[in-house]
Amino acid sequence: MNAAKRQKIFTRFKAANPHPTTELEYTTPFELLIAVILSAQATDKSVNLATRKLFPLANTPEKMIALSEAGLMSLIKSIGLYKTKAKNILATCQLLIQHHHSQVPRTRVELEKLPGVGRKTANVILNTAFGEPTIAVDTHIFRVANRTGIAPGKNVRVVEDKLIKCVPIEFRHDAHHWLILHGRYVCMARKPACSCCLINDLCEYEHKNLDNNPVVAMNS
């Protein structure tokens, strides 16, 4: 895909959704960090249902630790892998208190030292909480980047590096959100809604599905 086509694609994404953001509910960087840790192999909807009960009780590392592991697990048990996630969250809270004055660190190196935080989670925090032009490649973004031809690659790191290189700088901060929403609601895995896709004519997917019914536009 050439640069002119990518420019048109992201121009359309911006016109359709000028201020995209995560669908995870949060009010502070700490709450976002916890929500993203919980979101691994879980839907944003399921995480939001849990954090609506969790955050009023524990919205700081100290309060989270005060819940105890059993108390935390009881509040997030509806989410997959909740036992492992509870252990990681409490260990992360200890490190935040001991090494970061209870604040979420603003560098990738320090974020990735936290239990339950890998490169993808660090990218989400850097982008959404701190405004860095990072791109966290999840399954949706990996699929869209490959299927459309925007930034094809054999693994998530290759796709991430290609997106950072090829997405025009003025769109780089919001690219993560546009691509994930597009993959979640339009360019779906089993049956992409090509007939109502706003970049249909620019997409390079060879097997476009033009007979499906319209879906909700990518401005959720």
C-alpha atoms as a PDB file:
ATOM      1  CA  MET A   1       0.000   0.000   0.000  1.00  0.00           C
ATOM      2  CA  ASN A   2       1.352   3.410  -0.932  1.00  0.00           C
ATOM      3  CA  ALA A   3       1.588   6.454   1.298  1.00  0.00           C
ATOM      4  CA  ALA A   4      -1.144   8.375  -0.521  1.00  0.00           C
ATOM      5  CA  LYS A   5      -3.660   5.608   0.126  1.00  0.00           C
ATOM      6  CA  ARG A   6      -2.750   5.411   3.822  1.00  0.00           C
ATOM      7  CA  GLN A   7      -3.183   9.177   4.085  1.00  0.00           C
ATOM      8  CA  LYS A   8      -6.710   8.878   2.670  1.00  0.00           C
ATOM      9  CA  ILE A   9      -7.563   6.009   5.009  1.00  0.00           C
ATOM     10  CA  PHE A  10      -6.596   7.843   8.172  1.00  0.00           C
ATOM     11  CA  THR A  11      -8.155  11.072   6.939  1.00  0.00           C
ATOM     12  CA  ARG A  12     -11.457   9.215   6.687  1.00  0.00           C
ATOM     13  CA  PHE A  13     -11.035   7.629  10.106  1.00  0.00           C
ATOM     14  CA  LYS A  14     -10.445  11.072  11.601  1.00  0.00           C
ATOM     15  CA  ALA A  15     -13.446  12.591   9.833  1.00  0.00           C
ATOM     16  CA  ALA A  16     -15.698   9.797  11.106  1.00  0.00           C
ATOM     17  CA  ASN A  17     -14.346   9.832  14.660  1.00  0.00           C
ATOM     18  CA  PRO A  18     -12.259  12.937  15.455  1.00  0.00           C
ATOM     19  CA  HIS A  19     -11.548  12.068  19.095  1.00  0.00           C
ATOM     20  CA  PRO A  20     -11.324   8.282  19.536  1.00  0.00           C
ATOM     21  CA  THR A  21     -10.447   6.725  22.862  1.00  0.00           C
ATOM     22  CA  THR A  22     -10.470   3.421  24.677  1.00  0.00           C
ATOM     23  CA  GLU A  23     -13.751   1.757  25.595  1.00  0.00           C
ATOM     24  CA  LEU A  24     -12.329   0.857  28.997  1.00  0.00           C
ATOM     25  CA  GLU A  25     -13.756   3.043  31.760  1.00  0.00           C
ATOM     26  CA  TYR A  26     -11.220   4.875  33.920  1.00  0.00           C
ATOM     27  CA  THR A  27     -10.525   8.266  35.495  1.00  0.00           C
ATOM     28  CA  THR A  28      -6.811   8.068  36.391  1.00  0.00           C
ATOM     29  CA  PRO A  29      -3.678   6.443  34.924  1.00  0.00           C
ATOM     30  CA  PHE A  30      -3.762   3.929  37.791  1.00  0.00           C
ATOM     31  CA  GLU A  31      -7.332   2.900  36.999  1.00  0.00           C
ATOM     32  CA  LEU A  32      -6.425   2.565  33.314  1.00  0.00           C
ATOM     33  CA  LEU A  33      -3.422   0.396  34.203  1.00  0.00           C
ATOM     34  CA  ILE A  34      -5.580  -1.946  36.274  1.00  0.00           C
ATOM     35  CA  ALA A  35      -8.285  -2.070  33.590  1.00  0.00           C
ATOM     36  CA  VAL A  36      -5.771  -2.921  30.872  1.00  0.00           C
ATOM     37  CA  ILE A  37      -4.223  -5.685  32.995  1.00  0.00           C
ATOM     38  CA  LEU A  38      -7.710  -7.097  33.510  1.00  0.00           C
ATOM     39  CA  SER A  39      -8.537  -6.844  29.790  1.00  0.00           C
ATOM     40  CA  ALA A  40      -6.075  -9.548  28.699  1.00  0.00           C
ATOM     41  CA  GLN A  41      -8.162 -12.261  27.007  1.00  0.00           C
ATOM     42  CA  ALA A  42     -11.321 -10.499  28.159  1.00  0.00           C
ATOM     43  CA  THR A  43     -13.746  -8.039  26.604  1.00  0.00           C
ATOM     44  CA  ASP A  44     -13.787  -4.367  27.529  1.00  0.00           C
ATOM     45  CA  LYS A  45     -17.456  -4.790  28.463  1.00  0.00           C
ATOM     46  CA  SER A  46     -16.681  -7.502  31.016  1.00  0.00           C
ATOM     47  CA  VAL A  47     -13.828  -5.452  32.458  1.00  0.00           C
ATOM     48  CA  ASN A  48     -16.034  -2.369  32.805  1.00  0.00           C
ATOM     49  CA  LEU A  49     -18.679  -4.377  34.647  1.00  0.00           C
ATOM     50  CA  ALA A  50     -16.046  -5.491  37.154  1.00  0.00           C
ATOM     51  CA  THR A  51     -14.260  -2.159  37.581  1.00  0.00           C
ATOM     52  CA  ARG A  52     -17.534  -0.348  38.241  1.00  0.00           C
ATOM     53  CA  LYS A  53     -17.590  -2.316  41.492  1.00  0.00           C
ATOM     54  CA  LEU A  54     -13.828  -2.354  42.050  1.00  0.00           C
ATOM     55  CA  PHE A  55     -12.740   1.266  41.550  1.00  0.00           C
ATOM     56  CA  PRO A  56     -15.152   2.870  44.049  1.00  0.00           C
ATOM     57  CA  LEU A  57     -13.501   0.655  46.676  1.00  0.00           C
ATOM     58  CA  ALA A  58      -9.909   0.688  45.467  1.00  0.00           C
ATOM     59  CA  ASN A  59      -8.650   3.422  43.144  1.00  0.00           C
ATOM     60  CA  THR A  60      -5.097   3.672  44.522  1.00  0.00           C
ATOM     61  CA  PRO A  61      -2.331   1.101  45.015  1.00  0.00           C
ATOM     62  CA  GLU A  62      -2.734   1.327  48.799  1.00  0.00           C
ATOM     63  CA  LYS A  63      -6.476   0.728  48.696  1.00  0.00           C
ATOM     64  CA  MET A  64      -6.028  -2.129  46.222  1.00  0.00           C
ATOM     65  CA  ILE A  65      -3.597  -3.888  48.559  1.00  0.00           C
ATOM     66  CA  ALA A  66      -5.950  -3.300  51.483  1.00  0.00           C
ATOM     67  CA  LEU A  67      -8.590  -5.364  49.698  1.00  0.00           C
ATOM     68  CA  SER A  68      -6.356  -8.466  50.050  1.00  0.00           C
ATOM     69  CA  GLU A  69      -6.029 -11.103  47.356  1.00  0.00           C
ATOM     70  CA  ALA A  70      -9.284 -12.788  48.354  1.00  0.00           C
ATOM     71  CA  GLY A  71     -11.165  -9.506  48.359  1.00  0.00           C
ATOM     72  CA  LEU A  72      -9.801  -8.503  44.967  1.00  0.00           C
ATOM     73  CA  MET A  73     -10.589 -11.894  43.449  1.00  0.00           C
ATOM     74  CA  SER A  74     -14.171 -11.693  44.689  1.00  0.00           C
ATOM     75  CA  LEU A  75     -14.635  -8.456  42.736  1.00  0.00           C
ATOM     76  CA  ILE A  76     -13.036  -9.606  39.474  1.00  0.00           C
ATOM     77  CA  LYS A  77     -14.003 -13.294  39.416  1.00  0.00           C
ATOM     78  CA  SER A  78     -16.288 -12.722  36.412  1.00  0.00           C
ATOM     79  CA  ILE A  79     -13.184 -12.033  34.295  1.00  0.00           C
ATOM     80  CA  GLY A  80     -11.079 -14.801  32.780  1.00  0.00           C
ATOM     81  CA  LEU A  81      -7.782 -15.652  34.481  1.00  0.00           C
ATOM     82  CA  TYR A  82      -8.906 -13.616  37.497  1.00  0.00           C
ATOM     83  CA  LYS A  83      -6.683 -15.450  39.978  1.00  0.00           C
ATOM     84  CA  THR A  84      -3.486 -14.717  38.042  1.00  0.00           C
ATOM     85  CA  LYS A  85      -4.607 -11.173  37.346  1.00  0.00           C
ATOM     86  CA  ALA A  86      -5.295 -10.545  41.039  1.00  0.00           C
ATOM     87  CA  LYS A  87      -1.780 -11.697  41.961  1.00  0.00           C
ATOM     88  CA  ASN A  88      -0.251  -9.502  39.239  1.00  0.00           C
ATOM     89  CA  ILE A  89      -2.295  -6.467  40.234  1.00  0.00           C
ATOM     90  CA  LEU A  90      -1.290  -6.701  43.901  1.00  0.00           C
ATOM     91  CA  ALA A  91       2.370  -7.246  42.998  1.00  0.00           C
ATOM     92  CA  THR A  92       2.197  -4.266  40.639  1.00  0.00           C
ATOM     93  CA  CYS A  93       0.677  -2.129  43.391  1.00  0.00           C
ATOM     94  CA  GLN A  94       3.531  -3.045  45.726  1.00  0.00           C
ATOM     95  CA  LEU A  95       6.082  -1.945  43.136  1.00  0.00           C
ATOM     96  CA  LEU A  96       4.212   1.290  42.453  1.00  0.00           C
ATOM     97  CA  ILE A  97       4.315   2.119  46.163  1.00  0.00           C
ATOM     98  CA  GLN A  98       7.928   1.061  46.683  1.00  0.00           C
ATOM     99  CA  HIS A  99       9.522   2.529  43.565  1.00  0.00           C
ATOM    100  CA  HIS A 100       7.179   5.097  42.004  1.00  0.00           C
ATOM    101  CA  HIS A 101       5.517   6.988  44.881  1.00  0.00           C
ATOM    102  CA  SER A 102       2.249   5.185  44.044  1.00  0.00           C
ATOM    103  CA  GLN A 103       2.238   6.731  40.564  1.00  0.00           C
ATOM    104  CA  VAL A 104       2.135   4.941  37.206  1.00  0.00           C
ATOM    105  CA  PRO A 105       5.559   5.292  35.537  1.00  0.00           C
ATOM    106  CA  ARG A 106       5.703   7.153  32.235  1.00  0.00           C
ATOM    107  CA  THR A 107       8.404   5.104  30.492  1.00  0.00           C
ATOM    108  CA  ARG A 108       8.128   1.811  28.650  1.00  0.00           C
ATOM    109  CA  VAL A 109      11.086   0.318  30.525  1.00  0.00           C
ATOM    110  CA  GLU A 110       9.539   0.928  33.935  1.00  0.00           C
ATOM    111  CA  LEU A 111       6.056  -0.087  32.852  1.00  0.00           C
ATOM    112  CA  GLU A 112       7.274  -3.418  31.506  1.00  0.00           C
ATOM    113  CA  LYS A 113       8.853  -4.212  34.873  1.00  0.00           C
ATOM    114  CA  LEU A 114       5.375  -4.359  36.414  1.00  0.00           C
ATOM    115  CA  PRO A 115       3.782  -7.832  36.759  1.00  0.00           C
ATOM    116  CA  GLY A 116       1.103  -8.393  34.134  1.00  0.00           C
ATOM    117  CA  VAL A 117       2.402  -5.574  31.927  1.00  0.00           C
ATOM    118  CA  GLY A 118       3.918  -6.450  28.575  1.00  0.00           C
ATOM    119  CA  ARG A 119       4.719  -4.331  25.552  1.00  0.00           C
ATOM    120  CA  LYS A 120       1.100  -4.083  24.397  1.00  0.00           C
ATOM    121  CA  THR A 121      -0.167  -2.936  27.796  1.00  0.00           C
ATOM    122  CA  ALA A 122       2.705  -0.466  28.115  1.00  0.00           C
ATOM    123  CA  ASN A 123       1.823   0.994  24.726  1.00  0.00           C
ATOM    124  CA  VAL A 124      -1.810   1.439  25.759  1.00  0.00           C
ATOM    125  CA  ILE A 125      -0.800   3.287  28.935  1.00  0.00           C
ATOM    126  CA  LEU A 126       1.753   5.475  27.163  1.00  0.00           C
ATOM    127  CA  ASN A 127      -0.765   6.373  24.455  1.00  0.00           C
ATOM    128  CA  THR A 128      -4.023   6.730  26.349  1.00  0.00           C
ATOM    129  CA  ALA A 129      -2.844   7.996  29.735  1.00  0.00           C
ATOM    130  CA  PHE A 130       0.196  10.022  28.692  1.00  0.00           C
ATOM    131  CA  GLY A 131      -0.454  11.026  25.070  1.00  0.00           C
ATOM    132  CA  GLU A 132       2.493   9.245  23.479  1.00  0.00           C
ATOM    133  CA  PRO A 133       2.142   8.276  19.770  1.00  0.00           C
ATOM    134  CA  THR A 134       2.458   4.548  20.457  1.00  0.00           C
ATOM    135  CA  ILE A 135       0.426   1.795  18.792  1.00  0.00           C
ATOM    136  CA  ALA A 136      -0.557  -1.270  20.813  1.00  0.00           C
ATOM    137  CA  VAL A 137      -1.119  -4.119  18.375  1.00  0.00           C
ATOM    138  CA  ASP A 138      -3.805  -6.512  19.584  1.00  0.00           C
ATOM    139  CA  THR A 139      -5.621  -9.179  17.557  1.00  0.00           C
ATOM    140  CA  HIS A 140      -7.957  -6.600  15.987  1.00  0.00           C
ATOM    141  CA  ILE A 141      -5.182  -4.283  14.861  1.00  0.00           C
ATOM    142  CA  PHE A 142      -3.038  -7.200  13.673  1.00  0.00           C
ATOM    143  CA  ARG A 143      -5.943  -8.421  11.529  1.00  0.00           C
ATOM    144  CA  VAL A 144      -6.824  -4.995  10.100  1.00  0.00           C
ATOM    145  CA  ALA A 145      -3.211  -4.093   9.336  1.00  0.00           C
ATOM    146  CA  ASN A 146      -2.707  -7.347   7.441  1.00  0.00           C
ATOM    147  CA  ARG A 147      -6.099  -7.652   5.769  1.00  0.00           C
ATOM    148  CA  THR A 148      -6.263  -4.101   4.460  1.00  0.00           C
ATOM    149  CA  GLY A 149      -2.599  -3.956   3.475  1.00  0.00           C
ATOM    150  CA  ILE A 150      -1.917  -0.922   5.663  1.00  0.00           C
ATOM    151  CA  ALA A 151       0.996  -2.624   7.453  1.00  0.00           C
ATOM    152  CA  PRO A 152       1.249  -6.370   6.821  1.00  0.00           C
ATOM    153  CA  GLY A 153       3.518  -8.444   9.051  1.00  0.00           C
ATOM    154  CA  LYS A 154       4.002 -11.964  10.379  1.00  0.00           C
ATOM    155  CA  ASN A 155       3.842 -11.009  14.052  1.00  0.00           C
ATOM    156  CA  VAL A 156       2.578  -8.173  16.245  1.00  0.00           C
ATOM    157  CA  ARG A 157       5.980  -6.541  16.686  1.00  0.00           C
ATOM    158  CA  VAL A 158       6.581  -6.383  12.932  1.00  0.00           C
ATOM    159  CA  VAL A 159       3.143  -4.851  12.453  1.00  0.00           C
ATOM    160  CA  GLU A 160       3.737  -2.351  15.264  1.00  0.00           C
ATOM    161  CA  ASP A 161       7.065  -1.246  13.789  1.00  0.00           C
ATOM    162  CA  LYS A 162       5.530  -0.895  10.328  1.00  0.00           C
ATOM    163  CA  LEU A 163       2.604   1.147  11.633  1.00  0.00           C
ATOM    164  CA  ILE A 164       4.899   3.494  13.539  1.00  0.00           C
ATOM    165  CA  LYS A 165       6.879   3.966  10.358  1.00  0.00           C
ATOM    166  CA  CYS A 166       4.056   4.321   7.844  1.00  0.00           C
ATOM    167  CA  VAL A 167       1.158   6.024   9.671  1.00  0.00           C
ATOM    168  CA  PRO A 168       1.353   9.764   8.924  1.00  0.00           C
ATOM    169  CA  ILE A 169       2.590  11.620  11.992  1.00  0.00           C
ATOM    170  CA  GLU A 170      -0.572  13.709  12.371  1.00  0.00           C
ATOM    171  CA  PHE A 171      -2.620  10.518  12.817  1.00  0.00           C
ATOM    172  CA  ARG A 172      -0.179   8.437  14.844  1.00  0.00           C
ATOM    173  CA  HIS A 173      -1.534   9.178  18.306  1.00  0.00           C
ATOM    174  CA  ASP A 174      -5.094   8.138  17.417  1.00  0.00           C
ATOM    175  CA  ALA A 175      -4.247   5.331  14.974  1.00  0.00           C
ATOM    176  CA  HIS A 176      -4.396   2.695  17.718  1.00  0.00           C
ATOM    177  CA  HIS A 177      -7.988   3.566  18.611  1.00  0.00           C
ATOM    178  CA  TRP A 178      -9.224   3.907  15.023  1.00  0.00           C
ATOM    179  CA  LEU A 179      -7.768   0.560  14.009  1.00  0.00           C
ATOM    180  CA  ILE A 180      -9.019  -1.338  17.053  1.00  0.00           C
ATOM    181  CA  LEU A 181     -12.544   0.067  16.698  1.00  0.00           C
ATOM    182  CA  HIS A 182     -12.517  -0.690  12.981  1.00  0.00           C
ATOM    183  CA  GLY A 183     -11.488  -4.278  13.695  1.00  0.00           C
ATOM    184  CA  ARG A 184     -13.997  -4.663  16.504  1.00  0.00           C
ATOM    185  CA  TYR A 185     -17.071  -3.325  14.714  1.00  0.00           C
ATOM    186  CA  VAL A 186     -16.442  -3.380  10.956  1.00  0.00           C
ATOM    187  CA  CYS A 187     -13.453  -5.452   9.847  1.00  0.00           C
ATOM    188  CA  MET A 188     -14.433  -8.407  11.993  1.00  0.00           C
ATOM    189  CA  ALA A 189     -12.585 -11.714  11.919  1.00  0.00           C
ATOM    190  CA  ARG A 190     -15.179 -14.104  10.553  1.00  0.00           C
ATOM    191  CA  LYS A 191     -17.369 -11.817   8.478  1.00  0.00           C
ATOM    192  CA  PRO A 192     -16.005  -8.351   7.728  1.00  0.00           C
ATOM    193  CA  ALA A 193     -18.700  -5.780   6.978  1.00  0.00           C
ATOM    194  CA  CYS A 194     -17.098  -4.641   3.746  1.00  0.00           C
ATOM    195  CA  SER A 195     -20.326  -3.307   2.248  1.00  0.00           C
ATOM    196  CA  CYS A 196     -20.546  -0.551   4.852  1.00  0.00           C
ATOM    197  CA  CYS A 197     -16.815   0.003   5.407  1.00  0.00           C
ATOM    198  CA  LEU A 198     -15.715   3.609   5.027  1.00  0.00           C
ATOM    199  CA  ILE A 199     -12.380   2.556   3.499  1.00  0.00           C
ATOM    200  CA  ASN A 200     -13.785  -0.166   1.223  1.00  0.00           C
ATOM    201  CA  ASP A 201     -12.411   1.391  -1.958  1.00  0.00           C
ATOM    202  CA  LEU A 202      -8.948   1.866  -0.424  1.00  0.00           C
ATOM    203  CA  CYS A 203      -8.640  -1.521   1.267  1.00  0.00           C
ATOM    204  CA  GLU A 204      -6.501  -4.103  -0.535  1.00  0.00           C
ATOM    205  CA  TYR A 205      -8.254  -7.196   0.833  1.00  0.00           C
ATOM    206  CA  GLU A 206      -8.757  -9.650  -2.027  1.00  0.00           C
ATOM    207  CA  HIS A 207     -11.878 -11.359  -0.655  1.00  0.00           C
ATOM    208  CA  LYS A 208     -14.155  -8.461   0.210  1.00  0.00           C
ATOM    209  CA  ASN A 209     -17.558  -9.442   1.546  1.00  0.00           C
ATOM    210  CA  LEU A 210     -19.993  -7.093  -0.162  1.00  0.00           C
ATOM    211  CA  ASP A 211     -23.243  -8.924   0.622  1.00  0.00           C
ATOM    212  CA  ASN A 212     -23.443  -8.450   4.383  1.00  0.00           C
ATOM    213  CA  ASN A 213     -25.817  -6.232   6.302  1.00  0.00           C
ATOM    214  CA  PRO A 214     -24.769  -2.798   7.581  1.00  0.00           C
ATOM    215  CA  VAL A 215     -23.412  -2.583  11.104  1.00  0.00           C
ATOM    216  CA  VAL A 216     -22.837   0.225  13.565  1.00  0.00           C
ATOM    217  CA  ALA A 217     -20.347   2.745  12.191  1.00  0.00           C
ATOM    218  CA  MET A 218     -16.874   2.960  13.697  1.00  0.00           C
ATOM    219  CA  ASN A 219     -17.537   5.889  15.982  1.00  0.00           C
ATOM    220  CA  SER A 220     -18.414   4.055  19.162  1.00  0.00           C
END
